[in-house]
Amino acid sequence: MTAPLQMSAPETGGRRALALAIMALIFTVMLPAAGLALSIFGIILAIRDLRALQAAKQRIGVATGAIVISSVAFVLGLMTTAFQFYFSAELAAYTECRKGAGTVEAQQHCSDQLIRSLEKKLGVTLPPNFPTPA
């Protein structure tokens, strides 16, 4: 019985890192904390692949793209996670309000309440056309 074949970075050309970077970007939109973790792994894998590709004197474009995409996912994930932690009480109150809102008017009241609580925490008045959850 032979061991499973393990492909090195020069053989894959950095495609593993690129796939992980794209997954990190997608997860950042759905689950920011998971996207944050995946983006860190993506950056590490992309740097390893980049070094291996440079040592093998092969093209580094895919690995470089993976670093860029993972970095973007990291920044977006960090910002989103920080936003969720900073406004956790307001978002929890909004979620509870929405659970009991059975009519469109009640849902709009929850959105208005969320906007008022965000304005209070930020100390500024948000514009009237500020996007709110529906």
C-alpha atoms as a PDB file:
ATOM      1  CA  MET A   1       0.000   0.000   0.000  1.00  0.00           C
ATOM      2  CA  THR A   2       1.485   3.333  -0.981  1.00  0.00           C
ATOM      3  CA  ALA A   3       1.081   6.596   0.838  1.00  0.00           C
ATOM      4  CA  PRO A   4      -1.292   9.172  -0.700  1.00  0.00           C
ATOM      5  CA  LEU A   5       0.347  11.461  -3.212  1.00  0.00           C
ATOM      6  CA  GLN A   6       1.038  14.867  -1.724  1.00  0.00           C
ATOM      7  CA  MET A   7       1.413  17.681  -4.231  1.00  0.00           C
ATOM      8  CA  SER A   8       3.941  20.420  -3.641  1.00  0.00           C
ATOM      9  CA  ALA A   9       3.504  24.119  -4.383  1.00  0.00           C
ATOM     10  CA  PRO A  10       5.410  24.039  -7.703  1.00  0.00           C
ATOM     11  CA  GLU A  11       3.116  21.248  -8.892  1.00  0.00           C
ATOM     12  CA  THR A  12      -0.091  23.048  -7.964  1.00  0.00           C
ATOM     13  CA  GLY A  13       1.189  26.506  -8.873  1.00  0.00           C
ATOM     14  CA  GLY A  14      -0.428  28.122  -5.828  1.00  0.00           C
ATOM     15  CA  ARG A  15      -3.957  27.007  -6.732  1.00  0.00           C
ATOM     16  CA  ARG A  16      -4.538  25.564  -3.244  1.00  0.00           C
ATOM     17  CA  ALA A  17      -3.779  28.924  -1.693  1.00  0.00           C
ATOM     18  CA  LEU A  18      -6.025  30.678  -4.206  1.00  0.00           C
ATOM     19  CA  ALA A  19      -8.910  28.281  -3.464  1.00  0.00           C
ATOM     20  CA  LEU A  20      -8.483  28.886   0.267  1.00  0.00           C
ATOM     21  CA  ALA A  21      -8.368  32.651  -0.309  1.00  0.00           C
ATOM     22  CA  ILE A  22     -11.620  32.572  -2.274  1.00  0.00           C
ATOM     23  CA  MET A  23     -13.246  30.425   0.418  1.00  0.00           C
ATOM     24  CA  ALA A  24     -12.065  32.950   3.030  1.00  0.00           C
ATOM     25  CA  LEU A  25     -13.656  35.790   1.076  1.00  0.00           C
ATOM     26  CA  ILE A  26     -16.956  33.913   0.780  1.00  0.00           C
ATOM     27  CA  PHE A  27     -16.955  32.950   4.462  1.00  0.00           C
ATOM     28  CA  THR A  28     -16.172  36.552   5.421  1.00  0.00           C
ATOM     29  CA  VAL A  29     -19.513  37.561   3.917  1.00  0.00           C
ATOM     30  CA  MET A  30     -21.448  34.729   5.593  1.00  0.00           C
ATOM     31  CA  LEU A  31     -19.561  34.143   8.864  1.00  0.00           C
ATOM     32  CA  PRO A  32     -17.002  36.912   9.466  1.00  0.00           C
ATOM     33  CA  ALA A  33     -15.114  35.148  12.259  1.00  0.00           C
ATOM     34  CA  ALA A  34     -14.714  31.996  10.144  1.00  0.00           C
ATOM     35  CA  GLY A  35     -13.626  34.097   7.175  1.00  0.00           C
ATOM     36  CA  LEU A  36     -11.087  35.799   9.400  1.00  0.00           C
ATOM     37  CA  ALA A  37      -9.584  32.473  10.445  1.00  0.00           C
ATOM     38  CA  LEU A  38      -9.578  31.124   6.887  1.00  0.00           C
ATOM     39  CA  SER A  39      -7.918  34.286   5.590  1.00  0.00           C
ATOM     40  CA  ILE A  40      -5.059  33.853   8.070  1.00  0.00           C
ATOM     41  CA  PHE A  41      -4.555  30.276   6.881  1.00  0.00           C
ATOM     42  CA  GLY A  42      -4.816  31.491   3.286  1.00  0.00           C
ATOM     43  CA  ILE A  43      -2.091  34.083   3.803  1.00  0.00           C
ATOM     44  CA  ILE A  44       0.203  31.541   5.453  1.00  0.00           C
ATOM     45  CA  LEU A  45      -0.343  28.962   2.705  1.00  0.00           C
ATOM     46  CA  ALA A  46       0.065  31.565  -0.034  1.00  0.00           C
ATOM     47  CA  ILE A  47       3.373  32.780   1.418  1.00  0.00           C
ATOM     48  CA  ARG A  48       4.629  29.183   1.635  1.00  0.00           C
ATOM     49  CA  ASP A  49       3.561  28.550  -1.966  1.00  0.00           C
ATOM     50  CA  LEU A  50       5.106  31.824  -3.102  1.00  0.00           C
ATOM     51  CA  ARG A  51       8.463  30.902  -1.596  1.00  0.00           C
ATOM     52  CA  ALA A  52       8.349  27.394  -3.075  1.00  0.00           C
ATOM     53  CA  LEU A  53       7.412  28.728  -6.505  1.00  0.00           C
ATOM     54  CA  GLN A  54      10.198  31.319  -6.383  1.00  0.00           C
ATOM     55  CA  ALA A  55      12.698  28.626  -5.403  1.00  0.00           C
ATOM     56  CA  ALA A  56      11.528  26.480  -8.329  1.00  0.00           C
ATOM     57  CA  LYS A  57      11.707  29.542 -10.625  1.00  0.00           C
ATOM     58  CA  GLN A  58       8.061  29.199 -11.637  1.00  0.00           C
ATOM     59  CA  ARG A  59       5.299  31.760 -12.089  1.00  0.00           C
ATOM     60  CA  ILE A  60       4.113  33.353  -8.861  1.00  0.00           C
ATOM     61  CA  GLY A  61       0.991  35.153 -10.109  1.00  0.00           C
ATOM     62  CA  VAL A  62      -1.553  32.774  -8.598  1.00  0.00           C
ATOM     63  CA  ALA A  63       0.183  32.751  -5.204  1.00  0.00           C
ATOM     64  CA  THR A  64       0.420  36.549  -5.271  1.00  0.00           C
ATOM     65  CA  GLY A  65      -3.278  36.775  -6.114  1.00  0.00           C
ATOM     66  CA  ALA A  66      -4.019  34.455  -3.212  1.00  0.00           C
ATOM     67  CA  ILE A  67      -2.111  36.760  -0.856  1.00  0.00           C
ATOM     68  CA  VAL A  68      -4.067  39.776  -2.113  1.00  0.00           C
ATOM     69  CA  ILE A  69      -7.466  38.058  -1.860  1.00  0.00           C
ATOM     70  CA  SER A  70      -6.673  36.608   1.577  1.00  0.00           C
ATOM     71  CA  SER A  71      -5.534  40.038   2.762  1.00  0.00           C
ATOM     72  CA  VAL A  72      -8.762  41.644   1.537  1.00  0.00           C
ATOM     73  CA  ALA A  73     -10.782  38.902   3.256  1.00  0.00           C
ATOM     74  CA  PHE A  74      -8.757  39.459   6.437  1.00  0.00           C
ATOM     75  CA  VAL A  75      -9.404  43.209   6.482  1.00  0.00           C
ATOM     76  CA  LEU A  76     -13.110  42.781   5.719  1.00  0.00           C
ATOM     77  CA  GLY A  77     -13.437  40.035   8.323  1.00  0.00           C
ATOM     78  CA  LEU A  78     -11.624  42.113  10.914  1.00  0.00           C
ATOM     79  CA  MET A  79     -13.826  45.148  10.264  1.00  0.00           C
ATOM     80  CA  THR A  80     -17.039  43.117  10.294  1.00  0.00           C
ATOM     81  CA  THR A  81     -16.092  41.218  13.442  1.00  0.00           C
ATOM     82  CA  ALA A  82     -15.123  44.459  15.202  1.00  0.00           C
ATOM     83  CA  PHE A  83     -18.451  46.010  14.139  1.00  0.00           C
ATOM     84  CA  GLN A  84     -20.353  43.003  15.490  1.00  0.00           C
ATOM     85  CA  PHE A  85     -18.523  43.105  18.826  1.00  0.00           C
ATOM     86  CA  TYR A  86     -18.876  46.877  19.225  1.00  0.00           C
ATOM     87  CA  PHE A  87     -22.598  46.854  18.430  1.00  0.00           C
ATOM     88  CA  SER A  88     -23.393  43.443  19.946  1.00  0.00           C
ATOM     89  CA  ALA A  89     -25.968  44.760  22.433  1.00  0.00           C
ATOM     90  CA  GLU A  90     -27.796  46.775  19.768  1.00  0.00           C
ATOM     91  CA  LEU A  91     -27.791  43.881  17.306  1.00  0.00           C
ATOM     92  CA  ALA A  92     -29.036  41.465  19.984  1.00  0.00           C
ATOM     93  CA  ALA A  93     -31.877  43.835  20.891  1.00  0.00           C
ATOM     94  CA  TYR A  94     -32.776  44.150  17.198  1.00  0.00           C
ATOM     95  CA  THR A  95     -32.809  40.357  16.792  1.00  0.00           C
ATOM     96  CA  GLU A  96     -35.087  39.945  19.815  1.00  0.00           C
ATOM     97  CA  CYS A  97     -37.386  42.680  18.538  1.00  0.00           C
ATOM     98  CA  ARG A  98     -37.616  41.018  15.119  1.00  0.00           C
ATOM     99  CA  LYS A  99     -38.561  37.673  16.693  1.00  0.00           C
ATOM    100  CA  GLY A 100     -41.765  39.181  18.036  1.00  0.00           C
ATOM    101  CA  ALA A 101     -42.526  41.407  15.057  1.00  0.00           C
ATOM    102  CA  GLY A 102     -45.413  39.842  13.157  1.00  0.00           C
ATOM    103  CA  THR A 103     -46.385  42.799  10.979  1.00  0.00           C
ATOM    104  CA  VAL A 104     -44.562  45.082   8.577  1.00  0.00           C
ATOM    105  CA  GLU A 105     -45.152  48.000  10.930  1.00  0.00           C
ATOM    106  CA  ALA A 106     -43.622  46.089  13.841  1.00  0.00           C
ATOM    107  CA  GLN A 107     -40.611  45.168  11.693  1.00  0.00           C
ATOM    108  CA  GLN A 108     -40.194  48.820  10.695  1.00  0.00           C
ATOM    109  CA  HIS A 109     -40.387  49.791  14.369  1.00  0.00           C
ATOM    110  CA  CYS A 110     -37.526  47.341  15.086  1.00  0.00           C
ATOM    111  CA  SER A 111     -35.440  48.895  12.303  1.00  0.00           C
ATOM    112  CA  ASP A 112     -36.168  52.404  13.588  1.00  0.00           C
ATOM    113  CA  GLN A 113     -35.234  51.317  17.107  1.00  0.00           C
ATOM    114  CA  LEU A 114     -31.950  49.878  15.792  1.00  0.00           C
ATOM    115  CA  ILE A 115     -31.126  53.146  14.010  1.00  0.00           C
ATOM    116  CA  ARG A 116     -31.865  55.171  17.155  1.00  0.00           C
ATOM    117  CA  SER A 117     -29.649  52.910  19.271  1.00  0.00           C
ATOM    118  CA  LEU A 118     -26.814  53.106  16.705  1.00  0.00           C
ATOM    119  CA  GLU A 119     -27.101  56.899  16.634  1.00  0.00           C
ATOM    120  CA  LYS A 120     -27.005  57.019  20.428  1.00  0.00           C
ATOM    121  CA  LYS A 121     -23.902  54.806  20.619  1.00  0.00           C
ATOM    122  CA  LEU A 122     -22.102  56.650  17.798  1.00  0.00           C
ATOM    123  CA  GLY A 123     -23.168  60.108  18.959  1.00  0.00           C
ATOM    124  CA  VAL A 124     -24.139  61.189  15.437  1.00  0.00           C
ATOM    125  CA  THR A 125     -27.338  61.401  13.441  1.00  0.00           C
ATOM    126  CA  LEU A 126     -27.449  58.924  10.579  1.00  0.00           C
ATOM    127  CA  PRO A 127     -28.796  60.131   7.215  1.00  0.00           C
ATOM    128  CA  PRO A 128     -32.462  59.407   6.475  1.00  0.00           C
ATOM    129  CA  ASN A 129     -31.554  57.082   3.590  1.00  0.00           C
ATOM    130  CA  PHE A 130     -29.173  54.989   5.740  1.00  0.00           C
ATOM    131  CA  PRO A 131     -29.663  51.326   4.822  1.00  0.00           C
ATOM    132  CA  THR A 132     -31.435  49.321   7.488  1.00  0.00           C
ATOM    133  CA  PRO A 133     -32.161  45.623   7.726  1.00  0.00           C
ATOM    134  CA  ALA A 134     -35.571  44.814   6.314  1.00  0.00           C
END
